[in-house]
C-alpha cells in the first residue's frame, strides 16, 4: 500500500467511526429542548453528546478557570464560563485548582455571563460536546456544554 492509500484508509475509518458515534447519540437523544438534569448530562456524556437539551446550572465564574480544555475544541468566537449542577459545589483537583464544567456561548449572547454572581441559577439550551483524549475520558476536561441560549432564573 502506498502512503496515500494508507492515509485514505485511515481517514475513511475515522470518518465512519465519527459518523457512527453521532448516529448512536442522535438515536438516543431525548426530544429536542427537553429539560434534563445537568448532573445526568455530564455523567452520561456519551449518551447526551450532541443532543439538544435544556438544563439548569449554578454559575461558578467567567473564563476557563484554573484548568485546561482540550485544544480539540474550537472555541473561536465563544465566551467560556464555568458551572456546576444545581446544589453541587465545585471541587478542587490534586493541584488545588477549582474544577467546574465549561460552557461556551457565542460572544453576542454572552452579556448575561458578566452580570451574574456565583451561585446564580441559569437555564441553558444547547448540547454536550464530549471528547476523549487518546481514548480516555478525562472527566471535566472531556466535557464542554455548547449553549445556544442562556437565561437567569434565580439570583
Protein backbone atom coordinates (compact mmCIF):
# COMPACT_ATOMS: atom_id res chain seq x y z
CA UNK A 1 0.00 0.00 0.00
CA UNK A 2 1.20 3.48 -0.80
CA UNK A 3 1.28 6.24 1.79
CA UNK A 4 -1.64 7.92 0.00
CA UNK A 5 -3.73 4.72 0.18
CA UNK A 6 -2.91 4.29 3.87
CA UNK A 7 -3.92 7.88 4.64
CA UNK A 8 -7.12 7.48 2.66
CA UNK A 9 -7.98 4.24 4.52
CA UNK A 10 -7.26 5.81 7.91
CA UNK A 11 -9.30 8.91 7.06
CA UNK A 12 -12.23 6.74 5.94
CA UNK A 13 -12.09 4.69 9.15
CA UNK A 14 -12.04 7.82 11.30
CA UNK A 15 -14.96 9.34 9.38
CA UNK A 16 -17.04 6.18 9.73
CA UNK A 17 -16.26 5.98 13.42
CA UNK A 18 -17.32 9.60 13.96
CA UNK A 19 -20.49 9.14 11.93
CA UNK A 20 -21.33 6.04 13.94
CA UNK A 21 -20.90 7.93 17.22
CA UNK A 22 -23.11 10.80 16.04
CA UNK A 23 -25.78 8.42 14.74
CA UNK A 24 -25.74 6.50 18.03
CA UNK A 25 -26.03 9.68 20.09
CA UNK A 26 -28.84 11.06 17.93
CA UNK A 27 -30.76 7.78 18.19
CA UNK A 28 -30.65 8.01 21.99
CA UNK A 29 -31.37 11.76 22.32
CA UNK A 30 -34.45 12.94 24.19
CA UNK A 31 -36.97 15.20 22.43
CA UNK A 32 -35.23 18.43 21.33
CA UNK A 33 -35.17 21.01 24.11
CA UNK A 34 -36.22 18.55 26.84
CA UNK A 35 -35.33 19.68 30.37
CA UNK A 36 -32.61 17.38 31.72
CA UNK A 37 -30.60 17.41 34.94
CA UNK A 38 -27.09 18.75 34.29
CA UNK A 39 -25.59 16.10 36.59
CA UNK A 40 -27.15 13.43 34.36
CA UNK A 41 -25.94 15.14 31.17
CA UNK A 42 -22.35 15.23 32.45
CA UNK A 43 -22.40 11.74 34.00
CA UNK A 44 -23.86 10.25 30.81
CA UNK A 45 -21.99 12.50 28.38
CA UNK A 46 -21.64 9.66 25.88
CA UNK A 47 -25.44 9.39 25.66
CA UNK A 48 -26.14 13.14 25.60
CA UNK A 49 -23.28 14.02 23.23
CA UNK A 50 -24.72 16.31 20.56
CA UNK A 51 -28.28 16.20 21.95
CA UNK A 52 -30.32 19.44 22.02
CA UNK A 53 -31.37 19.78 25.67
CA UNK A 54 -32.37 22.41 28.21
CA UNK A 55 -30.78 22.30 31.65
CA UNK A 56 -30.35 24.35 34.81
CA UNK A 57 -26.95 25.04 36.33
CA UNK A 58 -25.31 27.01 39.12
CA UNK A 59 -22.92 29.73 37.90
CA UNK A 60 -19.31 29.41 39.13
CA UNK A 61 -17.38 32.04 37.16
CA UNK A 62 -16.42 33.55 33.83
CA UNK A 63 -13.45 32.24 31.89
CA UNK A 64 -11.69 28.88 31.83
CA UNK A 65 -10.51 28.97 35.45
CA UNK A 66 -7.50 27.06 36.68
CA UNK A 67 -7.72 24.00 34.45
CA UNK A 68 -7.44 23.25 30.76
CA UNK A 69 -9.83 22.39 27.96
CA UNK A 70 -8.54 20.25 25.12
CA UNK A 71 -7.21 22.05 22.08
CA UNK A 72 -9.52 19.77 20.08
CA UNK A 73 -12.37 22.13 20.98
CA UNK A 74 -12.80 25.06 18.59
CA UNK A 75 -13.51 27.99 20.90
CA UNK A 76 -13.01 30.88 18.48
CA UNK A 77 -15.80 33.46 18.78
CA UNK A 78 -17.07 31.90 22.00
CA UNK A 79 -17.19 33.09 25.60
CA UNK A 80 -16.37 30.43 28.18
CA UNK A 81 -17.77 30.23 31.68
CA UNK A 82 -17.93 27.60 34.40
CA UNK A 83 -20.92 25.95 36.04
CA UNK A 84 -21.92 23.07 38.30
CA UNK A 85 -25.12 21.08 38.67
CA UNK A 86 -27.56 22.97 40.92
CA UNK A 87 -26.83 22.14 44.57
CA UNK A 88 -23.41 20.61 43.87
CA UNK A 89 -20.36 22.67 44.88
CA UNK A 90 -17.29 22.83 42.65
CA UNK A 91 -14.37 20.64 43.68
CA UNK A 92 -10.62 21.13 43.71
CA UNK A 93 -8.22 18.90 41.82
CA UNK A 94 -4.98 17.48 43.19
CA UNK A 95 -3.16 20.68 42.17
CA UNK A 96 -5.62 22.82 44.11
CA UNK A 97 -7.36 24.26 41.03
CA UNK A 98 -11.11 24.80 41.18
CA UNK A 99 -12.87 22.36 38.87
CA UNK A 100 -16.21 23.15 37.28
CA UNK A 101 -17.79 22.29 33.94
CA UNK A 102 -17.12 24.52 30.92
CA UNK A 103 -19.91 26.14 28.97
CA UNK A 104 -19.39 28.18 25.82
CA UNK A 105 -21.75 30.57 24.07
CA UNK A 106 -21.35 32.99 21.18
CA UNK A 107 -19.87 36.34 22.25
CA UNK A 108 -23.02 38.13 21.04
CA UNK A 109 -25.17 36.14 23.51
CA UNK A 110 -22.77 36.26 26.48
CA UNK A 111 -23.57 39.58 28.19
CA UNK A 112 -25.51 37.86 30.98
CA UNK A 113 -22.36 35.88 31.94
CA UNK A 114 -20.80 39.13 33.16
CA UNK A 115 -23.80 40.26 35.22
CA UNK A 116 -24.46 37.16 37.35
CA UNK A 117 -22.86 36.12 40.62
CA UNK A 118 -21.50 32.83 41.90
CA UNK A 119 -24.43 30.56 42.79
CA UNK A 120 -27.00 32.18 40.49
CA UNK A 121 -29.12 29.63 38.62
CA UNK A 122 -29.04 29.71 34.84
CA UNK A 123 -31.18 27.90 32.29
CA UNK A 124 -29.18 26.81 29.26
CA UNK A 125 -30.26 25.30 25.99
CA UNK A 126 -27.64 23.61 23.89
CA UNK A 127 -25.70 20.38 23.53
CA UNK A 128 -22.92 18.50 25.30
CA UNK A 129 -19.68 18.24 23.33
CA UNK A 130 -17.94 15.16 24.75
CA UNK A 131 -14.46 14.22 23.55
CA UNK A 132 -11.97 11.69 24.84
CA UNK A 133 -8.23 12.33 24.85
CA UNK A 134 -6.36 9.45 23.24
CA UNK A 135 -9.31 7.20 24.04
CA UNK A 136 -9.56 8.25 27.71
CA UNK A 137 -12.39 10.09 29.42
CA UNK A 138 -10.59 12.79 31.39
CA UNK A 139 -13.61 13.96 33.36
CA UNK A 140 -14.40 17.67 33.31
CA UNK A 141 -11.82 18.39 30.58
CA UNK A 142 -13.64 15.97 28.25
CA UNK A 143 -16.93 17.87 28.52
CA UNK A 144 -17.94 21.28 27.15
CA UNK A 145 -21.60 22.31 27.02
CA UNK A 146 -22.26 24.39 23.91
CA UNK A 147 -25.09 26.75 24.83
CA UNK A 148 -27.32 28.32 22.22
CA UNK A 149 -29.24 30.37 24.78
CA UNK A 150 -28.84 31.44 28.40
CA UNK A 151 -31.40 32.80 30.86
CA UNK A 152 -31.08 33.80 34.51
CA UNK A 153 -33.82 32.12 36.54
CA UNK A 154 -32.64 32.73 40.11
CA UNK A 155 -30.29 35.33 41.54
